[in-house]
PDB file of N, CA and C in Angstrom:
ATOM      1  N   MET A   1       4.748 -14.252  28.093  1.00  0.00           N
ATOM      2  CA  MET A   1       6.033 -14.019  27.201  1.00  0.00           C
ATOM      3  C   MET A   1       7.029 -13.538  28.047  1.00  0.00           C
ATOM      4  N   ALA A   2       6.765 -13.099  29.247  1.00  0.00           N
ATOM      5  CA  ALA A   2       7.694 -12.694  30.288  1.00  0.00           C
ATOM      6  C   ALA A   2       8.901 -13.210  30.411  1.00  0.00           C
ATOM      7  N   PHE A   3       8.900 -14.662  30.329  1.00  0.00           N
ATOM      8  CA  PHE A   3       9.948 -15.502  30.567  1.00  0.00           C
ATOM      9  C   PHE A   3      10.905 -15.223  29.538  1.00  0.00           C
ATOM     10  N   TYR A   4      10.231 -15.060  28.217  1.00  0.00           N
ATOM     11  CA  TYR A   4      11.416 -15.011  27.107  1.00  0.00           C
ATOM     12  C   TYR A   4      12.013 -13.225  26.986  1.00  0.00           C
ATOM     13  N   GLY A   5      11.285 -12.660  27.682  1.00  0.00           N
ATOM     14  CA  GLY A   5      11.531 -10.789  27.554  1.00  0.00           C
ATOM     15  C   GLY A   5      11.001 -10.456  26.161  1.00  0.00           C
ATOM     16  N   ILE A   6      10.035 -11.106  26.057  1.00  0.00           N
ATOM     17  CA  ILE A   6       9.405 -10.682  24.580  1.00  0.00           C
ATOM     18  C   ILE A   6       8.010 -10.012  24.770  1.00  0.00           C
ATOM     19  N   THR A   7       7.764  -8.953  24.282  1.00  0.00           N
ATOM     20  CA  THR A   7       6.274  -8.324  24.495  1.00  0.00           C
ATOM     21  C   THR A   7       5.702  -8.302  22.992  1.00  0.00           C
ATOM     22  N   ILE A   8       4.574  -8.553  22.553  1.00  0.00           N
ATOM     23  CA  ILE A   8       3.863  -9.050  21.575  1.00  0.00           C
ATOM     24  C   ILE A   8       2.639  -8.207  21.933  1.00  0.00           C
ATOM     25  N   PRO A   9       2.212  -7.312  21.194  1.00  0.00           N
ATOM     26  CA  PRO A   9       0.910  -6.328  21.217  1.00  0.00           C
ATOM     27  C   PRO A   9      -0.601  -7.395  21.054  1.00  0.00           C
ATOM     28  N   LYS A  10      -1.096  -7.182  21.955  1.00  0.00           N
ATOM     29  CA  LYS A  10      -2.443  -8.072  22.246  1.00  0.00           C
ATOM     30  C   LYS A  10      -3.074  -8.375  20.873  1.00  0.00           C
ATOM     31  N   PRO A  11      -3.459  -7.590  19.983  1.00  0.00           N
ATOM     32  CA  PRO A  11      -4.138  -7.849  19.076  1.00  0.00           C
ATOM     33  C   PRO A  11      -3.322  -8.811  18.025  1.00  0.00           C
ATOM     34  N   GLU A  12      -2.007  -8.751  17.876  1.00  0.00           N
ATOM     35  CA  GLU A  12      -0.877  -9.694  17.106  1.00  0.00           C
ATOM     36  C   GLU A  12      -0.777 -11.124  17.989  1.00  0.00           C
ATOM     37  N   LEU A  13      -0.824 -10.928  19.182  1.00  0.00           N
ATOM     38  CA  LEU A  13      -1.056 -12.129  19.758  1.00  0.00           C
ATOM     39  C   LEU A  13      -1.945 -12.980  19.573  1.00  0.00           C
ATOM     40  N   ALA A  14      -3.129 -12.475  19.650  1.00  0.00           N
ATOM     41  CA  ALA A  14      -4.478 -13.199  19.276  1.00  0.00           C
ATOM     42  C   ALA A  14      -4.503 -13.804  17.986  1.00  0.00           C
ATOM     43  N   ASN A  15      -3.413 -13.084  16.854  1.00  0.00           N
ATOM     44  CA  ASN A  15      -3.556 -13.613  15.606  1.00  0.00           C
ATOM     45  C   ASN A  15      -2.641 -14.917  15.748  1.00  0.00           C
ATOM     46  N   LEU A  16      -1.525 -14.862  16.373  1.00  0.00           N
ATOM     47  CA  LEU A  16      -0.277 -15.640  16.305  1.00  0.00           C
ATOM     48  C   LEU A  16      -0.936 -16.986  16.843  1.00  0.00           C
ATOM     49  N   ILE A  17      -1.610 -16.740  18.068  1.00  0.00           N
ATOM     50  CA  ILE A  17      -2.088 -17.922  18.800  1.00  0.00           C
ATOM     51  C   ILE A  17      -2.977 -18.816  17.754  1.00  0.00           C
ATOM     52  N   ARG A  18      -4.092 -18.060  17.222  1.00  0.00           N
ATOM     53  CA  ARG A  18      -4.968 -18.646  16.209  1.00  0.00           C
ATOM     54  C   ARG A  18      -4.225 -19.395  14.993  1.00  0.00           C
ATOM     55  N   ASP A  19      -3.187 -18.574  14.501  1.00  0.00           N
ATOM     56  CA  ASP A  19      -2.766 -19.256  13.089  1.00  0.00           C
ATOM     57  C   ASP A  19      -1.739 -20.383  13.709  1.00  0.00           C
ATOM     58  N   THR A  20      -1.302 -20.621  15.258  1.00  0.00           N
ATOM     59  CA  THR A  20      -0.441 -21.736  15.457  1.00  0.00           C
ATOM     60  C   THR A  20      -1.380 -22.869  15.725  1.00  0.00           C
ATOM     61  N   GLU A  21      -2.645 -22.654  16.222  1.00  0.00           N
ATOM     62  CA  GLU A  21      -3.437 -23.647  16.480  1.00  0.00           C
ATOM     63  C   GLU A  21      -3.923 -23.984  14.871  1.00  0.00           C
ATOM     64  N   LEU A  22      -4.188 -23.374  13.966  1.00  0.00           N
ATOM     65  CA  LEU A  22      -4.608 -23.747  12.807  1.00  0.00           C
ATOM     66  C   LEU A  22      -3.547 -24.374  11.927  1.00  0.00           C
ATOM     67  N   LYS A  23      -2.166 -24.052  11.974  1.00  0.00           N
ATOM     68  CA  LYS A  23      -1.247 -24.341  11.037  1.00  0.00           C
ATOM     69  C   LYS A  23      -0.363 -25.387  11.532  1.00  0.00           C
ATOM     70  N   GLU A  24      -0.179 -25.344  12.839  1.00  0.00           N
ATOM     71  CA  GLU A  24       0.629 -26.136  13.492  1.00  0.00           C
ATOM     72  C   GLU A  24      -0.146 -27.317  14.056  1.00  0.00           C
ATOM     73  N   LEU A  25      -1.103 -27.144  14.618  1.00  0.00           N
ATOM     74  CA  LEU A  25      -1.939 -28.145  15.518  1.00  0.00           C
ATOM     75  C   LEU A  25      -3.181 -28.936  14.612  1.00  0.00           C
ATOM     76  N   GLY A  26      -3.548 -27.816  13.608  1.00  0.00           N
ATOM     77  CA  GLY A  26      -4.686 -28.620  12.764  1.00  0.00           C
ATOM     78  C   GLY A  26      -5.955 -28.483  13.605  1.00  0.00           C
ATOM     79  N   ILE A  27      -5.912 -27.211  14.467  1.00  0.00           N
ATOM     80  CA  ILE A  27      -7.209 -27.195  15.207  1.00  0.00           C
ATOM     81  C   ILE A  27      -7.854 -25.929  14.540  1.00  0.00           C
ATOM     82  N   SER A  28      -9.331 -26.099  14.314  1.00  0.00           N
ATOM     83  CA  SER A  28      -9.941 -24.802  13.492  1.00  0.00           C
ATOM     84  C   SER A  28     -10.375 -23.978  14.739  1.00  0.00           C
ATOM     85  N   ALA A  29      -9.849 -22.850  14.675  1.00  0.00           N
ATOM     86  CA  ALA A  29     -10.088 -22.009  15.861  1.00  0.00           C
ATOM     87  C   ALA A  29     -10.671 -20.552  15.380  1.00  0.00           C
ATOM     88  N   GLY A  30     -11.478 -20.225  16.004  1.00  0.00           N
ATOM     89  CA  GLY A  30     -12.248 -18.739  15.807  1.00  0.00           C
ATOM     90  C   GLY A  30     -11.407 -17.476  16.258  1.00  0.00           C
ATOM     91  N   LEU A  31     -10.961 -16.628  15.754  1.00  0.00           N
ATOM     92  CA  LEU A  31     -10.172 -15.462  16.098  1.00  0.00           C
ATOM     93  C   LEU A  31     -11.141 -14.896  17.396  1.00  0.00           C
ATOM     94  N   GLN A  32     -12.309 -14.779  17.443  1.00  0.00           N
ATOM     95  CA  GLN A  32     -12.981 -14.175  18.779  1.00  0.00           C
ATOM     96  C   GLN A  32     -12.532 -14.870  19.777  1.00  0.00           C
ATOM     97  N   ASP A  33     -12.274 -16.243  20.062  1.00  0.00           N
ATOM     98  CA  ASP A  33     -12.085 -16.878  21.329  1.00  0.00           C
ATOM     99  C   ASP A  33     -10.774 -16.505  21.599  1.00  0.00           C
ATOM    100  N   ARG A  34      -9.679 -16.241  20.663  1.00  0.00           N
ATOM    101  CA  ARG A  34      -8.418 -15.937  21.014  1.00  0.00           C
ATOM    102  C   ARG A  34      -8.094 -14.733  21.445  1.00  0.00           C
ATOM    103  N   VAL A  35      -8.998 -13.592  20.750  1.00  0.00           N
ATOM    104  CA  VAL A  35      -9.077 -12.203  21.235  1.00  0.00           C
ATOM    105  C   VAL A  35      -9.582 -11.996  22.814  1.00  0.00           C
ATOM    106  N   ILE A  36     -10.412 -12.883  23.061  1.00  0.00           N
ATOM    107  CA  ILE A  36     -11.071 -12.726  24.566  1.00  0.00           C
ATOM    108  C   ILE A  36     -10.400 -13.500  25.567  1.00  0.00           C
ATOM    109  N   GLN A  37      -9.402 -14.351  25.052  1.00  0.00           N
ATOM    110  CA  GLN A  37      -8.409 -15.059  25.991  1.00  0.00           C
ATOM    111  C   GLN A  37      -7.136 -14.081  26.229  1.00  0.00           C
ATOM    112  N   VAL A  38      -6.909 -13.208  25.012  1.00  0.00           N
ATOM    113  CA  VAL A  38      -5.512 -12.504  25.307  1.00  0.00           C
ATOM    114  C   VAL A  38      -6.000 -11.247  25.976  1.00  0.00           C
ATOM    115  N   PHE A  39      -7.164 -10.525  25.690  1.00  0.00           N
ATOM    116  CA  PHE A  39      -7.495  -9.334  26.296  1.00  0.00           C
ATOM    117  C   PHE A  39      -8.204  -9.570  27.745  1.00  0.00           C
ATOM    118  N   GLU A  40      -8.744 -10.746  27.921  1.00  0.00           N
ATOM    119  CA  GLU A  40      -9.412 -11.188  29.326  1.00  0.00           C
ATOM    120  C   GLU A  40     -10.604  -9.986  29.456  1.00  0.00           C
ATOM    121  N   GLY A  41     -11.695 -10.635  30.068  1.00  0.00           N
ATOM    122  CA  GLY A  41     -12.856  -9.657  30.366  1.00  0.00           C
ATOM    123  C   GLY A  41     -13.622  -9.505  29.350  1.00  0.00           C
ATOM    124  N   LEU A  42     -14.324  -8.067  29.379  1.00  0.00           N
ATOM    125  CA  LEU A  42     -15.407  -7.645  28.700  1.00  0.00           C
ATOM    126  C   LEU A  42     -14.580  -6.902  27.515  1.00  0.00           C
ATOM    127  N   VAL A  43     -14.813  -7.207  26.114  1.00  0.00           N
ATOM    128  CA  VAL A  43     -14.052  -6.676  25.017  1.00  0.00           C
ATOM    129  C   VAL A  43     -14.882  -6.309  23.920  1.00  0.00           C
ATOM    130  N   TYR A  44     -14.854  -5.285  23.414  1.00  0.00           N
ATOM    131  CA  TYR A  44     -15.572  -4.904  22.138  1.00  0.00           C
ATOM    132  C   TYR A  44     -14.680  -5.184  21.059  1.00  0.00           C
ATOM    133  N   MET A  45     -15.289  -5.806  19.869  1.00  0.00           N
ATOM    134  CA  MET A  45     -14.472  -6.620  18.928  1.00  0.00           C
ATOM    135  C   MET A  45     -15.165  -6.226  17.764  1.00  0.00           C
ATOM    136  N   ASP A  46     -14.456  -5.427  16.703  1.00  0.00           N
ATOM    137  CA  ASP A  46     -14.810  -5.099  15.319  1.00  0.00           C
ATOM    138  C   ASP A  46     -13.954  -5.523  14.368  1.00  0.00           C
ATOM    139  N   PHE A  47     -14.537  -6.591  13.734  1.00  0.00           N
ATOM    140  CA  PHE A  47     -13.652  -7.406  12.593  1.00  0.00           C
ATOM    141  C   PHE A  47     -13.988  -6.872  11.143  1.00  0.00           C
ATOM    142  N   ASP A  48     -13.759  -5.546  11.008  1.00  0.00           N
ATOM    143  CA  ASP A  48     -14.132  -4.913   9.805  1.00  0.00           C
ATOM    144  C   ASP A  48     -13.001  -5.029   8.853  1.00  0.00           C
ATOM    145  N   LYS A  49     -13.653  -5.677   7.650  1.00  0.00           N
ATOM    146  CA  LYS A  49     -12.581  -6.372   6.311  1.00  0.00           C
ATOM    147  C   LYS A  49     -11.638  -5.569   6.243  1.00  0.00           C
ATOM    148  N   ASP A  50     -11.917  -4.263   5.834  1.00  0.00           N
ATOM    149  CA  ASP A  50     -10.979  -3.116   5.444  1.00  0.00           C
ATOM    150  C   ASP A  50      -9.881  -2.824   6.519  1.00  0.00           C
ATOM    151  N   LEU A  51     -10.298  -2.792   7.823  1.00  0.00           N
ATOM    152  CA  LEU A  51      -9.422  -2.657   8.640  1.00  0.00           C
ATOM    153  C   LEU A  51      -8.486  -3.985   8.973  1.00  0.00           C
ATOM    154  N   ILE A  52      -8.925  -5.076   8.844  1.00  0.00           N
ATOM    155  CA  ILE A  52      -8.061  -6.069   9.003  1.00  0.00           C
ATOM    156  C   ILE A  52      -6.926  -6.236   8.033  1.00  0.00           C
ATOM    157  N   GLU A  53      -7.625  -5.933   6.847  1.00  0.00           N
ATOM    158  CA  GLU A  53      -6.616  -5.854   5.520  1.00  0.00           C
ATOM    159  C   GLU A  53      -5.496  -4.762   5.844  1.00  0.00           C
ATOM    160  N   LYS A  54      -6.009  -3.657   6.327  1.00  0.00           N
ATOM    161  CA  LYS A  54      -4.925  -2.545   6.336  1.00  0.00           C
ATOM    162  C   LYS A  54      -4.011  -3.105   7.509  1.00  0.00           C
ATOM    163  N   GLN A  55      -4.307  -3.181   8.896  1.00  0.00           N
ATOM    164  CA  GLN A  55      -3.589  -3.638   9.882  1.00  0.00           C
ATOM    165  C   GLN A  55      -3.172  -4.848  10.444  1.00  0.00           C
ATOM    166  N   GLY A  56      -3.988  -6.001   9.530  1.00  0.00           N
ATOM    167  CA  GLY A  56      -3.768  -7.125  10.127  1.00  0.00           C
ATOM    168  C   GLY A  56      -4.376  -7.884  11.298  1.00  0.00           C
ATOM    169  N   TYR A  57      -5.281  -6.866  11.710  1.00  0.00           N
ATOM    170  CA  TYR A  57      -6.266  -7.297  12.999  1.00  0.00           C
ATOM    171  C   TYR A  57      -7.310  -6.314  13.072  1.00  0.00           C
ATOM    172  N   GLY A  58      -8.319  -6.775  13.991  1.00  0.00           N
ATOM    173  CA  GLY A  58      -9.549  -5.663  14.198  1.00  0.00           C
ATOM    174  C   GLY A  58      -9.258  -4.656  15.109  1.00  0.00           C
ATOM    175  N   ASN A  59     -10.318  -4.079  15.375  1.00  0.00           N
ATOM    176  CA  ASN A  59     -10.337  -2.968  16.475  1.00  0.00           C
ATOM    177  C   ASN A  59     -10.837  -3.767  17.679  1.00  0.00           C
ATOM    178  N   TYR A  60     -10.145  -3.888  18.722  1.00  0.00           N
ATOM    179  CA  TYR A  60     -10.292  -4.294  19.947  1.00  0.00           C
ATOM    180  C   TYR A  60     -10.215  -3.241  21.192  1.00  0.00           C
ATOM    181  N   VAL A  61     -11.434  -3.307  21.928  1.00  0.00           N
ATOM    182  CA  VAL A  61     -11.312  -2.290  23.095  1.00  0.00           C
ATOM    183  C   VAL A  61     -11.995  -3.138  24.348  1.00  0.00           C
ATOM    184  N   SER A  62     -11.027  -3.132  25.284  1.00  0.00           N
ATOM    185  CA  SER A  62     -11.260  -3.420  26.602  1.00  0.00           C
ATOM    186  C   SER A  62     -12.545  -2.500  27.377  1.00  0.00           C
ATOM    187  N   LEU A  63     -13.562  -2.990  27.894  1.00  0.00           N
ATOM    188  CA  LEU A  63     -14.642  -2.243  28.334  1.00  0.00           C
ATOM    189  C   LEU A  63     -14.696  -2.843  30.105  1.00  0.00           C
ATOM    190  N   ASP A  64     -15.292  -1.818  30.790  1.00  0.00           N
ATOM    191  CA  ASP A  64     -15.524  -1.909  32.045  1.00  0.00           C
ATOM    192  C   ASP A  64     -16.750  -2.724  32.413  1.00  0.00           C
ATOM    193  N   PRO A  65     -16.712  -3.902  32.928  1.00  0.00           N
ATOM    194  CA  PRO A  65     -17.828  -4.818  33.055  1.00  0.00           C
ATOM    195  C   PRO A  65     -18.957  -4.185  33.953  1.00  0.00           C
ATOM    196  N   ALA A  66     -18.650  -3.304  34.749  1.00  0.00           N
ATOM    197  CA  ALA A  66     -19.450  -2.710  35.509  1.00  0.00           C
ATOM    198  C   ALA A  66     -20.792  -1.909  34.959  1.00  0.00           C
ATOM    199  N   THR A  67     -20.092  -1.100  33.625  1.00  0.00           N
ATOM    200  CA  THR A  67     -21.044  -0.697  32.747  1.00  0.00           C
ATOM    201  C   THR A  67     -22.262  -1.421  32.121  1.00  0.00           C
ATOM    202  N   LEU A  68     -22.293  -2.661  32.290  1.00  0.00           N
ATOM    203  CA  LEU A  68     -23.234  -3.698  31.956  1.00  0.00           C
ATOM    204  C   LEU A  68     -24.368  -3.427  32.725  1.00  0.00           C
ATOM    205  N   PRO A  69     -25.764  -3.764  32.352  1.00  0.00           N
ATOM    206  CA  PRO A  69     -26.900  -3.973  33.001  1.00  0.00           C
ATOM    207  C   PRO A  69     -26.835  -5.281  33.780  1.00  0.00           C
ATOM    208  N   ASN A  70     -27.746  -5.728  34.636  1.00  0.00           N
ATOM    209  CA  ASN A  70     -27.927  -6.563  35.344  1.00  0.00           C
ATOM    210  C   ASN A  70     -27.787  -7.731  34.191  1.00  0.00           C
ATOM    211  N   LEU A  71     -27.436  -8.875  34.201  1.00  0.00           N
ATOM    212  CA  LEU A  71     -27.377 -10.089  33.037  1.00  0.00           C
ATOM    213  C   LEU A  71     -27.938 -11.400  33.769  1.00  0.00           C
ATOM    214  N   TYR A  72     -28.897 -12.043  33.309  1.00  0.00           N
ATOM    215  CA  TYR A  72     -29.246 -13.361  33.778  1.00  0.00           C
ATOM    216  C   TYR A  72     -28.752 -14.293  32.394  1.00  0.00           C
ATOM    217  N   ILE A  73     -27.718 -15.212  32.710  1.00  0.00           N
ATOM    218  CA  ILE A  73     -27.184 -16.161  32.047  1.00  0.00           C
ATOM    219  C   ILE A  73     -27.705 -17.464  32.400  1.00  0.00           C
ATOM    220  N   ALA A  74     -28.456 -18.421  31.417  1.00  0.00           N
ATOM    221  CA  ALA A  74     -28.697 -19.666  31.470  1.00  0.00           C
ATOM    222  C   ALA A  74     -28.151 -20.714  30.552  1.00  0.00           C
ATOM    223  N   TYR A  75     -27.424 -21.728  30.921  1.00  0.00           N
ATOM    224  CA  TYR A  75     -26.905 -22.533  30.000  1.00  0.00           C
ATOM    225  C   TYR A  75     -26.930 -23.981  30.486  1.00  0.00           C
ATOM    226  N   ARG A  76     -26.403 -24.837  29.784  1.00  0.00           N
ATOM    227  CA  ARG A  76     -26.740 -26.401  30.020  1.00  0.00           C
ATOM    228  C   ARG A  76     -25.362 -26.983  29.482  1.00  0.00           C
ATOM    229  N   THR A  77     -24.514 -27.523  30.551  1.00  0.00           N
ATOM    230  CA  THR A  77     -23.185 -28.056  30.103  1.00  0.00           C
ATOM    231  C   THR A  77     -23.321 -29.076  29.207  1.00  0.00           C
ATOM    232  N   ASP A  78     -24.500 -30.107  29.373  1.00  0.00           N
ATOM    233  CA  ASP A  78     -24.341 -31.093  28.765  1.00  0.00           C
ATOM    234  C   ASP A  78     -24.858 -31.118  27.309  1.00  0.00           C
ATOM    235  N   LEU A  79     -25.275 -29.824  26.857  1.00  0.00           N
ATOM    236  CA  LEU A  79     -25.606 -29.888  25.551  1.00  0.00           C
ATOM    237  C   LEU A  79     -24.555 -28.843  24.743  1.00  0.00           C
ATOM    238  N   SER A  80     -23.553 -28.711  25.309  1.00  0.00           N
ATOM    239  CA  SER A  80     -22.224 -27.785  24.799  1.00  0.00           C
ATOM    240  C   SER A  80     -21.251 -28.905  23.981  1.00  0.00           C
ATOM    241  N   GLU A  81     -20.593 -28.146  23.168  1.00  0.00           N
ATOM    242  CA  GLU A  81     -19.578 -29.077  22.507  1.00  0.00           C
ATOM    243  C   GLU A  81     -18.622 -27.923  21.898  1.00  0.00           C
ATOM    244  N   ILE A  82     -17.349 -28.255  21.646  1.00  0.00           N
ATOM    245  CA  ILE A  82     -16.282 -27.358  21.779  1.00  0.00           C
ATOM    246  C   ILE A  82     -16.501 -27.007  20.101  1.00  0.00           C
ATOM    247  N   SER A  83     -16.375 -25.640  19.974  1.00  0.00           N
ATOM    248  CA  SER A  83     -16.418 -24.950  18.613  1.00  0.00           C
ATOM    249  C   SER A  83     -15.667 -25.685  17.544  1.00  0.00           C
ATOM    250  N   ASP A  84     -14.516 -26.424  17.825  1.00  0.00           N
ATOM    251  CA  ASP A  84     -13.724 -27.003  16.592  1.00  0.00           C
ATOM    252  C   ASP A  84     -14.426 -28.278  15.965  1.00  0.00           C
ATOM    253  N   VAL A  85     -15.469 -28.726  16.692  1.00  0.00           N
ATOM    254  CA  VAL A  85     -16.387 -29.956  16.039  1.00  0.00           C
ATOM    255  C   VAL A  85     -17.283 -28.959  15.046  1.00  0.00           C
ATOM    256  N   PHE A  86     -17.631 -27.955  15.398  1.00  0.00           N
ATOM    257  CA  PHE A  86     -18.413 -26.993  14.312  1.00  0.00           C
ATOM    258  C   PHE A  86     -17.549 -26.743  13.103  1.00  0.00           C
ATOM    259  N   HIS A  87     -16.609 -25.841  13.353  1.00  0.00           N
ATOM    260  CA  HIS A  87     -15.771 -25.276  12.643  1.00  0.00           C
ATOM    261  C   HIS A  87     -15.147 -26.450  11.570  1.00  0.00           C
ATOM    262  N   ASN A  88     -14.498 -27.725  12.048  1.00  0.00           N
ATOM    263  CA  ASN A  88     -14.081 -28.539  11.203  1.00  0.00           C
ATOM    264  C   ASN A  88     -14.924 -29.069  10.329  1.00  0.00           C
ATOM    265  N   ASN A  89     -16.441 -29.277  10.845  1.00  0.00           N
ATOM    266  CA  ASN A  89     -17.454 -29.742   9.836  1.00  0.00           C
ATOM    267  C   ASN A  89     -17.564 -28.736   8.609  1.00  0.00           C
ATOM    268  N   ILE A  90     -17.661 -27.391   8.907  1.00  0.00           N
ATOM    269  CA  ILE A  90     -17.831 -26.552   7.897  1.00  0.00           C
ATOM    270  C   ILE A  90     -16.788 -26.442   6.684  1.00  0.00           C
ATOM    271  N   ARG A  91     -15.285 -26.526   7.466  1.00  0.00           N
ATOM    272  CA  ARG A  91     -14.021 -26.340   6.804  1.00  0.00           C
ATOM    273  C   ARG A  91     -14.026 -27.791   5.854  1.00  0.00           C
ATOM    274  N   GLY A  92     -14.320 -28.766   6.600  1.00  0.00           N
ATOM    275  CA  GLY A  92     -14.315 -30.088   5.630  1.00  0.00           C
ATOM    276  C   GLY A  92     -15.321 -30.170   4.459  1.00  0.00           C
ATOM    277  N   ARG A  93     -16.303 -29.787   4.831  1.00  0.00           N
ATOM    278  CA  ARG A  93     -17.475 -29.397   3.678  1.00  0.00           C
ATOM    279  C   ARG A  93     -17.045 -28.658   2.501  1.00  0.00           C
ATOM    280  N   PHE A  94     -16.530 -27.490   2.914  1.00  0.00           N
ATOM    281  CA  PHE A  94     -15.880 -26.446   2.026  1.00  0.00           C
ATOM    282  C   PHE A  94     -14.913 -26.897   0.824  1.00  0.00           C
ATOM    283  N   PHE A  95     -13.880 -27.768   1.701  1.00  0.00           N
ATOM    284  CA  PHE A  95     -12.829 -28.219   0.961  1.00  0.00           C
ATOM    285  C   PHE A  95     -13.223 -29.605  -0.164  1.00  0.00           C
ATOM    286  N   ALA A  96     -14.482 -30.304   0.529  1.00  0.00           N
ATOM    287  CA  ALA A  96     -15.129 -31.461  -0.419  1.00  0.00           C
ATOM    288  C   ALA A  96     -15.896 -30.827  -1.457  1.00  0.00           C
ATOM    289  N   GLY A  97     -16.325 -29.322  -1.666  1.00  0.00           N
ATOM    290  CA  GLY A  97     -16.790 -28.823  -2.824  1.00  0.00           C
ATOM    291  C   GLY A  97     -18.113 -28.357  -2.540  1.00  0.00           C
ATOM    292  N   ASP A  98     -18.901 -28.657  -1.214  1.00  0.00           N
ATOM    293  CA  ASP A  98     -20.114 -28.477  -0.909  1.00  0.00           C
ATOM    294  C   ASP A  98     -20.519 -26.953  -1.162  1.00  0.00           C
ATOM    295  N   GLU A  99     -21.497 -26.693  -2.309  1.00  0.00           N
ATOM    296  CA  GLU A  99     -21.744 -25.666  -2.861  1.00  0.00           C
ATOM    297  C   GLU A  99     -22.451 -24.646  -1.949  1.00  0.00           C
ATOM    298  N   THR A 100     -23.272 -25.346  -0.726  1.00  0.00           N
ATOM    299  CA  THR A 100     -24.034 -24.379   0.153  1.00  0.00           C
ATOM    300  C   THR A 100     -23.008 -23.663   1.036  1.00  0.00           C
ATOM    301  N   ILE A 101     -21.831 -24.134   1.078  1.00  0.00           N
ATOM    302  CA  ILE A 101     -21.015 -23.490   2.221  1.00  0.00           C
ATOM    303  C   ILE A 101     -20.070 -22.317   1.454  1.00  0.00           C
ATOM    304  N   ILE A 102     -20.354 -21.154   1.883  1.00  0.00           N
ATOM    305  CA  ILE A 102     -19.866 -20.055   0.795  1.00  0.00           C
ATOM    306  C   ILE A 102     -18.940 -19.202   2.127  1.00  0.00           C
TER     307      ILE A 102
END
């Protein structure tokens, strides 16, 4: 936003990005993905319903990755799919009246 001389607080920017993807582009996006993209790095995220209703976003705190224990992460790229596939299926089932989706 530096190009436009605009400063948007990070929590609000995450909401703006998610809302734009959903409303303008039709992409079912999760807020967690947008929060981590905006804050970058290791972030504590609290999506308390009352807090979100009160201030419009959750509680997000950047943390120092050096405080983590040693981690081993294993993954297979051939088994992954973008979360949009999963989210769109749930959204579509909800709007189709699937009672198992609450």
